[in-house]
Amino acid sequence: AARDIEKDKGRSAGLDSAPTCDVGLEIPQVYRHVTQALLGLQFLHDELQWVHGSVKLSNMILKPSPGGSTLLKLAHIHTGDVFPPTCKGATRYRSPECLESGKISREDDMFAIGCCIAAMVTGVVDREKGIKGHFGNNPALIQAATRDVARMGDETLGSLVRILLAGKTQRMTARTALSVMERAAA
């Protein structure tokens, strides 16, 4: 693991490219990363009228910024409205409605943010645990993620994950999720 970290030094890396364990990130780091991801999605959704289409940890690029902090940028933005059915790696955090219809949407992006929050908080990236299936077609994964985040003791993140992994009509927008995060951080 140390050799892998040394090899990646000085390069941008997606969040799930680093070695992980069942500990997760510190809650303030999760707040920073999720807030920055939501700012990116809000811009894509509201200003450009685009859907990201592939929100996942490996598409969240961490870049050092002046002053020693880290800036998160969203990468690999999909501009189409249908994802290729053979793109198995990109379907991991797809919502149930997306898996059923094959069409990506803003709500699908927000479902994926809920999955990413769960992975950041718990340190469990499901592909590393050999879990079969996807969050969107496996209610047990959704229940486990919601339970694990609630166990971490942060009510705001627990509520966000529960709402973002809920049904499409209950899912909040990037703007609403961002205001929840900002209120909690204040």
N, C-alpha and C. Protein backbone atom coordinates (compact mmCIF):
# COMPACT_ATOMS: atom_id res chain seq x y z
N ALA A 1 0.83 -1.19 0.00
CA ALA A 1 0.00 0.00 0.00
C ALA A 1 0.87 1.26 0.00
N ALA A 2 1.95 1.25 0.78
CA ALA A 2 2.83 2.43 0.83
C ALA A 2 3.44 2.70 -0.53
N ARG A 3 3.80 1.64 -1.27
CA ARG A 3 4.37 1.81 -2.60
C ARG A 3 3.34 2.45 -3.54
N ASP A 4 2.05 2.05 -3.43
CA ASP A 4 1.01 2.63 -4.26
C ASP A 4 0.82 4.11 -3.96
N ILE A 5 0.85 4.47 -2.69
CA ILE A 5 0.70 5.87 -2.31
C ILE A 5 1.87 6.67 -2.84
N GLU A 6 3.08 6.15 -2.70
CA GLU A 6 4.28 6.83 -3.20
C GLU A 6 4.20 7.02 -4.71
N LYS A 7 3.73 6.00 -5.41
CA LYS A 7 3.63 6.05 -6.86
C LYS A 7 2.65 7.15 -7.30
N ASP A 8 1.58 7.37 -6.53
CA ASP A 8 0.57 8.36 -6.88
C ASP A 8 0.91 9.77 -6.43
N LYS A 9 1.98 9.94 -5.67
CA LYS A 9 2.34 11.25 -5.15
C LYS A 9 2.48 12.25 -6.28
N GLY A 10 1.86 13.42 -6.13
CA GLY A 10 1.99 14.47 -7.13
C GLY A 10 0.99 14.36 -8.27
N ARG A 11 0.20 13.30 -8.31
CA ARG A 11 -0.80 13.16 -9.36
C ARG A 11 -2.18 13.32 -8.75
N SER A 12 -3.14 13.72 -9.57
CA SER A 12 -4.52 13.77 -9.10
C SER A 12 -5.01 12.34 -8.96
N ALA A 13 -5.86 12.11 -8.02
CA ALA A 13 -6.40 10.77 -7.84
C ALA A 13 -7.87 10.85 -7.51
N GLY A 14 -8.64 9.89 -8.01
CA GLY A 14 -10.03 9.77 -7.63
C GLY A 14 -10.08 9.25 -6.20
N LEU A 15 -11.18 9.52 -5.51
CA LEU A 15 -11.28 9.14 -4.11
C LEU A 15 -11.18 7.64 -3.89
N ASP A 16 -11.70 6.82 -4.82
CA ASP A 16 -11.63 5.39 -4.54
C ASP A 16 -10.39 4.73 -5.12
N SER A 17 -9.44 5.52 -5.61
CA SER A 17 -8.21 4.91 -6.12
C SER A 17 -7.18 4.71 -5.01
N ALA A 18 -7.40 5.34 -3.87
CA ALA A 18 -6.48 5.19 -2.74
C ALA A 18 -6.85 3.95 -1.94
N PRO A 19 -5.91 3.39 -1.20
CA PRO A 19 -6.25 2.24 -0.36
C PRO A 19 -7.33 2.65 0.64
N THR A 20 -8.29 1.77 0.88
CA THR A 20 -9.37 2.09 1.80
C THR A 20 -9.44 1.06 2.91
N CYS A 21 -10.12 1.45 3.96
CA CYS A 21 -10.38 0.52 5.05
C CYS A 21 -11.78 0.82 5.54
N ASP A 22 -12.22 0.12 6.56
CA ASP A 22 -13.58 0.31 7.06
C ASP A 22 -13.68 1.46 8.05
N VAL A 23 -12.83 2.45 7.94
CA VAL A 23 -12.84 3.57 8.86
C VAL A 23 -13.48 4.80 8.24
N GLY A 24 -13.18 5.11 7.01
CA GLY A 24 -13.77 6.26 6.34
C GLY A 24 -13.03 7.54 6.63
N LEU A 25 -13.52 8.61 6.02
CA LEU A 25 -12.93 9.93 6.19
C LEU A 25 -13.47 10.57 7.46
N GLU A 26 -12.73 11.55 7.97
CA GLU A 26 -13.23 12.35 9.09
C GLU A 26 -14.45 13.13 8.60
N ILE A 27 -15.42 13.33 9.48
CA ILE A 27 -16.67 14.00 9.10
C ILE A 27 -16.42 15.38 8.47
N PRO A 28 -15.51 16.23 8.99
CA PRO A 28 -15.27 17.52 8.32
C PRO A 28 -14.78 17.36 6.88
N GLN A 29 -13.98 16.32 6.61
CA GLN A 29 -13.53 16.06 5.24
C GLN A 29 -14.71 15.68 4.36
N VAL A 30 -15.60 14.84 4.89
CA VAL A 30 -16.78 14.43 4.12
C VAL A 30 -17.60 15.66 3.77
N TYR A 31 -17.81 16.54 4.75
CA TYR A 31 -18.58 17.76 4.50
C TYR A 31 -17.93 18.58 3.38
N ARG A 32 -16.61 18.77 3.45
CA ARG A 32 -15.92 19.55 2.40
C ARG A 32 -16.07 18.90 1.04
N HIS A 33 -15.79 17.60 0.96
CA HIS A 33 -15.85 16.92 -0.33
C HIS A 33 -17.27 16.91 -0.90
N VAL A 34 -18.25 16.59 -0.07
CA VAL A 34 -19.64 16.53 -0.55
C VAL A 34 -20.12 17.92 -0.95
N THR A 35 -19.78 18.94 -0.17
CA THR A 35 -20.17 20.31 -0.53
C THR A 35 -19.59 20.69 -1.89
N GLN A 36 -18.32 20.38 -2.13
CA GLN A 36 -17.71 20.72 -3.41
C GLN A 36 -18.34 19.92 -4.56
N ALA A 37 -18.65 18.65 -4.33
CA ALA A 37 -19.32 17.85 -5.36
C ALA A 37 -20.70 18.41 -5.66
N LEU A 38 -21.42 18.82 -4.61
CA LEU A 38 -22.76 19.39 -4.81
C LEU A 38 -22.69 20.73 -5.54
N LEU A 39 -21.67 21.54 -5.26
CA LEU A 39 -21.50 22.80 -6.00
C LEU A 39 -21.31 22.51 -7.49
N GLY A 40 -20.51 21.50 -7.81
CA GLY A 40 -20.31 21.11 -9.20
C GLY A 40 -21.59 20.63 -9.85
N LEU A 41 -22.35 19.79 -9.13
CA LEU A 41 -23.61 19.30 -9.68
C LEU A 41 -24.64 20.41 -9.82
N GLN A 42 -24.68 21.32 -8.86
CA GLN A 42 -25.62 22.43 -8.95
C GLN A 42 -25.32 23.25 -10.21
N PHE A 43 -24.05 23.51 -10.49
CA PHE A 43 -23.68 24.26 -11.69
C PHE A 43 -24.10 23.48 -12.94
N LEU A 44 -23.78 22.20 -12.98
CA LEU A 44 -24.16 21.39 -14.15
C LEU A 44 -25.67 21.35 -14.34
N HIS A 45 -26.40 21.09 -13.27
CA HIS A 45 -27.85 20.94 -13.36
C HIS A 45 -28.56 22.27 -13.64
N ASP A 46 -28.21 23.31 -12.89
CA ASP A 46 -28.95 24.57 -12.97
C ASP A 46 -28.46 25.50 -14.07
N GLU A 47 -27.17 25.63 -14.21
CA GLU A 47 -26.62 26.59 -15.18
C GLU A 47 -26.49 26.01 -16.58
N LEU A 48 -25.99 24.78 -16.68
CA LEU A 48 -25.75 24.18 -17.99
C LEU A 48 -26.87 23.26 -18.45
N GLN A 49 -27.79 22.92 -17.53
CA GLN A 49 -28.88 21.99 -17.82
C GLN A 49 -28.35 20.63 -18.27
N TRP A 50 -27.24 20.20 -17.66
CA TRP A 50 -26.62 18.91 -17.97
C TRP A 50 -26.79 17.96 -16.80
N VAL A 51 -26.74 16.69 -17.12
CA VAL A 51 -26.69 15.64 -16.12
C VAL A 51 -25.27 15.10 -16.15
N HIS A 52 -24.67 14.88 -14.99
CA HIS A 52 -23.30 14.33 -14.96
C HIS A 52 -23.30 12.92 -15.53
N GLY A 53 -24.14 12.07 -14.99
CA GLY A 53 -24.32 10.74 -15.54
C GLY A 53 -23.35 9.67 -15.06
N SER A 54 -22.34 10.05 -14.31
CA SER A 54 -21.38 9.05 -13.84
C SER A 54 -20.75 9.50 -12.52
N VAL A 55 -21.61 9.91 -11.58
CA VAL A 55 -21.10 10.34 -10.27
C VAL A 55 -20.68 9.10 -9.51
N LYS A 56 -19.41 9.06 -9.16
CA LYS A 56 -18.85 7.98 -8.35
C LYS A 56 -17.54 8.47 -7.78
N LEU A 57 -17.02 7.78 -6.80
CA LEU A 57 -15.81 8.24 -6.13
C LEU A 57 -14.64 8.41 -7.08
N SER A 58 -14.48 7.51 -8.03
CA SER A 58 -13.32 7.61 -8.93
C SER A 58 -13.44 8.77 -9.91
N ASN A 59 -14.61 9.40 -9.99
CA ASN A 59 -14.77 10.60 -10.82
C ASN A 59 -14.77 11.88 -10.00
N MET A 60 -14.32 11.77 -8.76
CA MET A 60 -14.13 12.94 -7.91
C MET A 60 -12.62 13.11 -7.76
N ILE A 61 -12.09 14.09 -8.45
CA ILE A 61 -10.65 14.30 -8.52
C ILE A 61 -10.23 15.27 -7.42
N LEU A 62 -9.24 14.88 -6.64
CA LEU A 62 -8.71 15.74 -5.58
C LEU A 62 -7.47 16.45 -6.07
N LYS A 63 -7.47 17.78 -5.97
CA LYS A 63 -6.33 18.59 -6.40
C LYS A 63 -5.88 19.45 -5.24
N PRO A 64 -4.58 19.50 -4.97
CA PRO A 64 -4.08 20.42 -3.95
C PRO A 64 -4.34 21.86 -4.40
N SER A 65 -4.73 22.70 -3.48
CA SER A 65 -4.94 24.11 -3.82
C SER A 65 -4.06 24.97 -2.92
N PRO A 66 -3.88 26.24 -3.28
CA PRO A 66 -3.04 27.12 -2.46
C PRO A 66 -3.53 27.15 -1.01
N GLY A 67 -2.61 27.19 -0.11
CA GLY A 67 -2.97 27.24 1.31
C GLY A 67 -3.04 25.86 1.94
N GLY A 68 -2.75 24.82 1.17
CA GLY A 68 -2.71 23.48 1.73
C GLY A 68 -4.02 22.73 1.75
N SER A 69 -5.12 23.35 1.31
CA SER A 69 -6.39 22.62 1.30
C SER A 69 -6.49 21.79 0.02
N THR A 70 -7.52 20.99 -0.06
CA THR A 70 -7.73 20.14 -1.22
C THR A 70 -9.03 20.55 -1.90
N LEU A 71 -9.00 20.62 -3.21
CA LEU A 71 -10.17 20.99 -4.01
C LEU A 71 -10.68 19.74 -4.71
N LEU A 72 -11.98 19.50 -4.64
CA LEU A 72 -12.58 18.37 -5.32
C LEU A 72 -13.22 18.86 -6.60
N LYS A 73 -12.94 18.18 -7.69
CA LYS A 73 -13.55 18.49 -8.99
C LYS A 73 -14.21 17.24 -9.53
N LEU A 74 -15.36 17.43 -10.17
CA LEU A 74 -16.04 16.31 -10.81
C LEU A 74 -15.42 16.09 -12.18
N ALA A 75 -15.20 14.84 -12.52
CA ALA A 75 -14.61 14.50 -13.82
C ALA A 75 -15.55 13.56 -14.57
N HIS A 76 -15.24 13.31 -15.82
CA HIS A 76 -15.94 12.36 -16.67
C HIS A 76 -17.43 12.67 -16.75
N ILE A 77 -17.75 13.84 -17.26
CA ILE A 77 -19.14 14.28 -17.35
C ILE A 77 -19.75 13.71 -18.62
N HIS A 78 -20.87 13.01 -18.46
CA HIS A 78 -21.58 12.38 -19.58
C HIS A 78 -22.67 13.35 -20.03
N THR A 79 -22.70 13.70 -21.30
CA THR A 79 -23.68 14.69 -21.76
C THR A 79 -24.86 14.07 -22.49
N GLY A 80 -24.90 12.76 -22.62
CA GLY A 80 -26.03 12.11 -23.28
C GLY A 80 -27.17 11.88 -22.31
N ASP A 81 -28.26 11.28 -22.81
CA ASP A 81 -29.37 11.02 -21.90
C ASP A 81 -29.61 9.53 -21.69
N VAL A 82 -28.78 8.69 -22.33
CA VAL A 82 -28.89 7.25 -22.15
C VAL A 82 -27.51 6.68 -21.92
N PHE A 83 -27.35 5.83 -20.93
CA PHE A 83 -26.04 5.23 -20.70
C PHE A 83 -25.96 3.88 -21.41
N PRO A 84 -24.77 3.51 -21.87
CA PRO A 84 -24.62 2.23 -22.56
C PRO A 84 -24.86 1.06 -21.60
N PRO A 85 -25.70 0.10 -21.97
CA PRO A 85 -26.00 -1.01 -21.06
C PRO A 85 -24.79 -1.88 -20.76
N THR A 86 -23.75 -1.83 -21.58
CA THR A 86 -22.57 -2.65 -21.34
C THR A 86 -21.58 -1.98 -20.41
N CYS A 87 -21.86 -0.76 -19.98
CA CYS A 87 -20.93 0.01 -19.15
C CYS A 87 -21.14 -0.37 -17.69
N LYS A 88 -20.77 -1.60 -17.32
CA LYS A 88 -21.05 -2.14 -15.99
C LYS A 88 -20.41 -1.34 -14.87
N GLY A 89 -19.18 -0.91 -15.04
CA GLY A 89 -18.51 -0.15 -13.99
C GLY A 89 -19.23 1.14 -13.66
N ALA A 90 -19.84 1.76 -14.64
CA ALA A 90 -20.51 3.04 -14.43
C ALA A 90 -21.90 2.88 -13.84
N THR A 91 -22.41 1.66 -13.73
CA THR A 91 -23.77 1.48 -13.22
C THR A 91 -23.82 1.21 -11.72
N ARG A 92 -22.69 1.13 -11.06
CA ARG A 92 -22.65 0.76 -9.64
C ARG A 92 -23.56 1.61 -8.77
N TYR A 93 -23.56 2.92 -8.98
CA TYR A 93 -24.36 3.81 -8.14
C TYR A 93 -25.58 4.34 -8.88
N ARG A 94 -26.07 3.61 -9.85
CA ARG A 94 -27.27 4.02 -10.58
C ARG A 94 -28.50 3.83 -9.71
N SER A 95 -29.46 4.73 -9.88
CA SER A 95 -30.71 4.65 -9.14
C SER A 95 -31.58 3.53 -9.71
N PRO A 96 -32.56 3.07 -8.92
CA PRO A 96 -33.45 2.01 -9.42
C PRO A 96 -34.16 2.41 -10.71
N GLU A 97 -34.65 3.66 -10.77
CA GLU A 97 -35.37 4.09 -11.97
C GLU A 97 -34.45 4.16 -13.19
N CYS A 98 -33.20 4.49 -12.99
CA CYS A 98 -32.24 4.54 -14.10
C CYS A 98 -31.94 3.13 -14.61
N LEU A 99 -31.75 2.20 -13.68
CA LEU A 99 -31.48 0.82 -14.09
C LEU A 99 -32.66 0.24 -14.86
N GLU A 100 -33.87 0.67 -14.48
CA GLU A 100 -35.07 0.17 -15.15
C GLU A 100 -35.25 0.78 -16.53
N SER A 101 -35.08 2.11 -16.63
CA SER A 101 -35.36 2.80 -17.90
C SER A 101 -34.14 2.96 -18.80
N GLY A 102 -32.94 2.93 -18.22
CA GLY A 102 -31.73 3.16 -19.00
C GLY A 102 -31.43 4.63 -19.22
N LYS A 103 -32.26 5.52 -18.65
CA LYS A 103 -32.06 6.96 -18.83
C LYS A 103 -31.50 7.58 -17.56
N ILE A 104 -30.45 8.39 -17.75
CA ILE A 104 -29.88 9.08 -16.60
C ILE A 104 -30.61 10.40 -16.39
N SER A 105 -30.60 10.87 -15.16
CA SER A 105 -31.31 12.11 -14.83
C SER A 105 -30.60 12.81 -13.68
N ARG A 106 -31.07 14.00 -13.37
CA ARG A 106 -30.54 14.73 -12.21
C ARG A 106 -30.76 13.91 -10.94
N GLU A 107 -31.92 13.28 -10.86
CA GLU A 107 -32.22 12.46 -9.68
C GLU A 107 -31.24 11.29 -9.56
N ASP A 108 -30.81 10.76 -10.70
CA ASP A 108 -29.82 9.68 -10.69
C ASP A 108 -28.48 10.20 -10.15
N ASP A 109 -28.09 11.41 -10.56
CA ASP A 109 -26.87 12.02 -10.01
C ASP A 109 -26.96 12.15 -8.50
N MET A 110 -28.12 12.56 -7.99
CA MET A 110 -28.28 12.76 -6.56
C MET A 110 -28.29 11.43 -5.80
N PHE A 111 -28.87 10.39 -6.40
CA PHE A 111 -28.81 9.06 -5.80
C PHE A 111 -27.35 8.65 -5.64
N ALA A 112 -26.55 8.89 -6.68
CA ALA A 112 -25.13 8.54 -6.65
C ALA A 112 -24.38 9.31 -5.57
N ILE A 113 -24.74 10.58 -5.35
CA ILE A 113 -24.12 11.36 -4.26
C ILE A 113 -24.40 10.68 -2.92
N GLY A 114 -25.62 10.20 -2.72
CA GLY A 114 -25.94 9.47 -1.49
C GLY A 114 -25.05 8.25 -1.31
N CYS A 115 -24.82 7.51 -2.39
CA CYS A 115 -23.93 6.34 -2.34
C CYS A 115 -22.51 6.76 -2.01
N CYS A 116 -22.06 7.86 -2.59
CA CYS A 116 -20.69 8.35 -2.34
C CYS A 116 -20.52 8.80 -0.89
N ILE A 117 -21.54 9.47 -0.34
CA ILE A 117 -21.47 9.88 1.07
C ILE A 117 -21.31 8.64 1.95
N ALA A 118 -22.12 7.62 1.67
CA ALA A 118 -22.04 6.39 2.47
C ALA A 118 -20.64 5.79 2.40
N ALA A 119 -20.06 5.77 1.20
CA ALA A 119 -18.71 5.20 1.05
C ALA A 119 -17.66 6.06 1.75
N MET A 120 -17.79 7.39 1.65
CA MET A 120 -16.82 8.28 2.31
C MET A 120 -16.86 8.13 3.83
N VAL A 121 -18.07 8.07 4.38
CA VAL A 121 -18.23 8.02 5.83
C VAL A 121 -17.79 6.67 6.40
N THR A 122 -18.17 5.60 5.74
CA THR A 122 -17.90 4.26 6.28
C THR A 122 -16.54 3.71 5.86
N GLY A 123 -15.99 4.23 4.77
CA GLY A 123 -14.73 3.69 4.25
C GLY A 123 -14.92 2.43 3.44
N VAL A 124 -16.17 2.01 3.26
CA VAL A 124 -16.46 0.79 2.51
C VAL A 124 -16.82 1.15 1.09
N VAL A 125 -15.96 0.75 0.17
CA VAL A 125 -16.28 0.88 -1.26
C VAL A 125 -16.73 -0.51 -1.66
N ASP A 126 -18.01 -0.64 -1.98
CA ASP A 126 -18.61 -1.97 -2.12
C ASP A 126 -17.88 -2.91 -3.07
N ARG A 127 -17.27 -2.39 -4.13
CA ARG A 127 -16.61 -3.29 -5.08
C ARG A 127 -15.44 -4.01 -4.42
N GLU A 128 -14.85 -3.39 -3.40
CA GLU A 128 -13.72 -4.01 -2.73
C GLU A 128 -14.15 -5.11 -1.77
N LYS A 129 -15.42 -5.14 -1.43
CA LYS A 129 -15.92 -6.15 -0.51
C LYS A 129 -16.53 -7.33 -1.26
N GLY A 130 -16.48 -7.30 -2.58
CA GLY A 130 -17.01 -8.40 -3.37
C GLY A 130 -18.52 -8.47 -3.36
N ILE A 131 -19.19 -7.36 -3.06
CA ILE A 131 -20.64 -7.35 -3.04
C ILE A 131 -21.15 -7.39 -4.47
N LYS A 132 -22.08 -8.27 -4.74
CA LYS A 132 -22.65 -8.39 -6.08
C LYS A 132 -23.82 -7.42 -6.22
N GLY A 133 -24.06 -6.97 -7.43
CA GLY A 133 -25.20 -6.11 -7.69
C GLY A 133 -24.87 -4.64 -7.55
N HIS A 134 -25.91 -3.84 -7.63
CA HIS A 134 -25.78 -2.39 -7.58
C HIS A 134 -26.68 -1.86 -6.47
N PHE A 135 -26.39 -0.66 -6.00
CA PHE A 135 -27.26 -0.05 -4.99
C PHE A 135 -28.69 0.02 -5.51
N GLY A 136 -28.84 0.43 -6.77
CA GLY A 136 -30.17 0.66 -7.32
C GLY A 136 -31.05 -0.56 -7.43
N ASN A 137 -30.47 -1.76 -7.56
CA ASN A 137 -31.31 -2.95 -7.65
C ASN A 137 -31.11 -3.88 -6.46
N ASN A 138 -30.55 -3.36 -5.39
CA ASN A 138 -30.32 -4.17 -4.20
C ASN A 138 -30.70 -3.37 -2.96
N PRO A 139 -31.97 -3.45 -2.54
CA PRO A 139 -32.42 -2.68 -1.37
C PRO A 139 -31.60 -2.97 -0.11
N ALA A 140 -31.03 -4.17 0.00
CA ALA A 140 -30.22 -4.50 1.18
C ALA A 140 -28.98 -3.62 1.25
N LEU A 141 -28.38 -3.29 0.09
CA LEU A 141 -27.22 -2.39 0.08
C LEU A 141 -27.62 -1.00 0.56
N ILE A 142 -28.77 -0.53 0.12
CA ILE A 142 -29.25 0.80 0.53
C ILE A 142 -29.49 0.81 2.04
N GLN A 143 -30.15 -0.21 2.56
CA GLN A 143 -30.41 -0.28 4.00
C GLN A 143 -29.11 -0.34 4.79
N ALA A 144 -28.15 -1.12 4.32
CA ALA A 144 -26.87 -1.23 5.02
C ALA A 144 -26.13 0.10 5.02
N ALA A 145 -26.12 0.79 3.87
CA ALA A 145 -25.44 2.08 3.77
C ALA A 145 -26.08 3.09 4.71
N THR A 146 -27.40 3.15 4.72
CA THR A 146 -28.12 4.09 5.58
C THR A 146 -27.82 3.79 7.05
N ARG A 147 -27.85 2.52 7.42
CA ARG A 147 -27.57 2.11 8.81
C ARG A 147 -26.14 2.45 9.21
N ASP A 148 -25.18 2.18 8.30
CA ASP A 148 -23.77 2.45 8.61
C ASP A 148 -23.50 3.94 8.81
N VAL A 149 -24.11 4.78 7.97
CA VAL A 149 -23.91 6.23 8.12
C VAL A 149 -24.56 6.71 9.42
N ALA A 150 -25.74 6.21 9.74
CA ALA A 150 -26.42 6.60 10.98
C ALA A 150 -25.57 6.22 12.20
N ARG A 151 -24.88 5.10 12.13
CA ARG A 151 -24.01 4.66 13.23
C ARG A 151 -22.85 5.61 13.48
N MET A 152 -22.46 6.36 12.46
CA MET A 152 -21.33 7.27 12.60
C MET A 152 -21.69 8.48 13.45
N GLY A 153 -22.98 8.68 13.70
CA GLY A 153 -23.40 9.71 14.64
C GLY A 153 -23.59 11.10 14.07
N ASP A 154 -23.52 11.27 12.76
CA ASP A 154 -23.76 12.60 12.19
C ASP A 154 -25.16 12.62 11.60
N GLU A 155 -26.05 13.32 12.28
CA GLU A 155 -27.46 13.33 11.91
C GLU A 155 -27.69 13.90 10.51
N THR A 156 -26.98 14.96 10.15
CA THR A 156 -27.17 15.59 8.84
C THR A 156 -26.80 14.63 7.72
N LEU A 157 -25.63 14.01 7.82
CA LEU A 157 -25.21 13.07 6.77
C LEU A 157 -26.14 11.87 6.73
N GLY A 158 -26.57 11.39 7.89
CA GLY A 158 -27.51 10.27 7.94
C GLY A 158 -28.81 10.61 7.24
N SER A 159 -29.33 11.80 7.51
CA SER A 159 -30.58 12.24 6.87
C SER A 159 -30.39 12.40 5.37
N LEU A 160 -29.26 12.99 4.96
CA LEU A 160 -28.99 13.18 3.53
C LEU A 160 -28.95 11.84 2.81
N VAL A 161 -28.24 10.89 3.35
CA VAL A 161 -28.14 9.57 2.71
C VAL A 161 -29.52 8.93 2.62
N ARG A 162 -30.28 8.99 3.70
CA ARG A 162 -31.61 8.39 3.70
C ARG A 162 -32.49 9.02 2.62
N ILE A 163 -32.45 10.34 2.49
CA ILE A 163 -33.28 11.03 1.50
C ILE A 163 -32.76 10.79 0.08
N LEU A 164 -31.45 10.86 -0.10
CA LEU A 164 -30.90 10.70 -1.45
C LEU A 164 -31.07 9.29 -1.98
N LEU A 165 -31.11 8.30 -1.10
CA LEU A 165 -31.30 6.93 -1.55
C LEU A 165 -32.77 6.53 -1.57
N ALA A 166 -33.65 7.47 -1.23
CA ALA A 166 -35.09 7.21 -1.24
C ALA A 166 -35.60 7.20 -2.68
N GLY A 167 -36.89 7.07 -2.81
CA GLY A 167 -37.51 7.06 -4.14
C GLY A 167 -37.29 8.38 -4.87
N LYS A 168 -37.42 8.33 -6.19
CA LYS A 168 -37.13 9.48 -7.06
C LYS A 168 -37.89 10.74 -6.64
N THR A 169 -39.15 10.60 -6.29
CA THR A 169 -39.95 11.79 -5.97
C THR A 169 -39.55 12.42 -4.64
N GLN A 170 -38.87 11.67 -3.78
CA GLN A 170 -38.44 12.20 -2.49
C GLN A 170 -37.02 12.76 -2.54
N ARG A 171 -36.29 12.48 -3.60
CA ARG A 171 -34.89 12.87 -3.68
C ARG A 171 -34.76 14.38 -3.85
N MET A 172 -33.84 14.98 -3.12
CA MET A 172 -33.66 16.43 -3.21
C MET A 172 -32.75 16.81 -4.37
N THR A 173 -32.79 18.08 -4.73
CA THR A 173 -31.93 18.61 -5.79
C THR A 173 -30.55 18.92 -5.21
N ALA A 174 -29.61 19.19 -6.09
CA ALA A 174 -28.26 19.57 -5.64
C ALA A 174 -28.33 20.86 -4.83
N ARG A 175 -29.15 21.81 -5.27
CA ARG A 175 -29.28 23.09 -4.57
C ARG A 175 -29.80 22.87 -3.14
N THR A 176 -30.82 22.04 -2.99
CA THR A 176 -31.39 21.78 -1.66
C THR A 176 -30.39 21.04 -0.77
N ALA A 177 -29.74 20.01 -1.32
CA ALA A 177 -28.75 19.26 -0.55
C ALA A 177 -27.60 20.17 -0.11
N LEU A 178 -27.20 21.07 -1.00
CA LEU A 178 -26.13 22.01 -0.68
C LEU A 178 -26.54 22.93 0.47
N SER A 179 -27.77 23.41 0.46
CA SER A 179 -28.20 24.29 1.55
C SER A 179 -28.28 23.52 2.87
N VAL A 180 -28.64 22.23 2.84
CA VAL A 180 -28.64 21.40 4.04
C VAL A 180 -27.22 21.28 4.59
N MET A 181 -26.26 21.02 3.69
CA MET A 181 -24.85 20.88 4.10
C MET A 181 -24.33 22.19 4.69
N GLU A 182 -24.65 23.31 4.04
CA GLU A 182 -24.16 24.61 4.51
C GLU A 182 -24.74 24.96 5.88
N ARG A 183 -26.04 24.67 6.09
CA ARG A 183 -26.66 24.95 7.40
C ARG A 183 -26.01 24.10 8.49
N ALA A 184 -25.73 22.84 8.17
CA ALA A 184 -25.14 21.94 9.17
C ALA A 184 -23.71 22.34 9.50
N ALA A 185 -22.99 22.85 8.52
CA ALA A 185 -21.58 23.22 8.74
C ALA A 185 -21.45 24.54 9.49
N ALA A 186 -22.52 25.34 9.50
CA ALA A 186 -22.47 26.67 10.14
C ALA A 186 -22.50 26.57 11.65
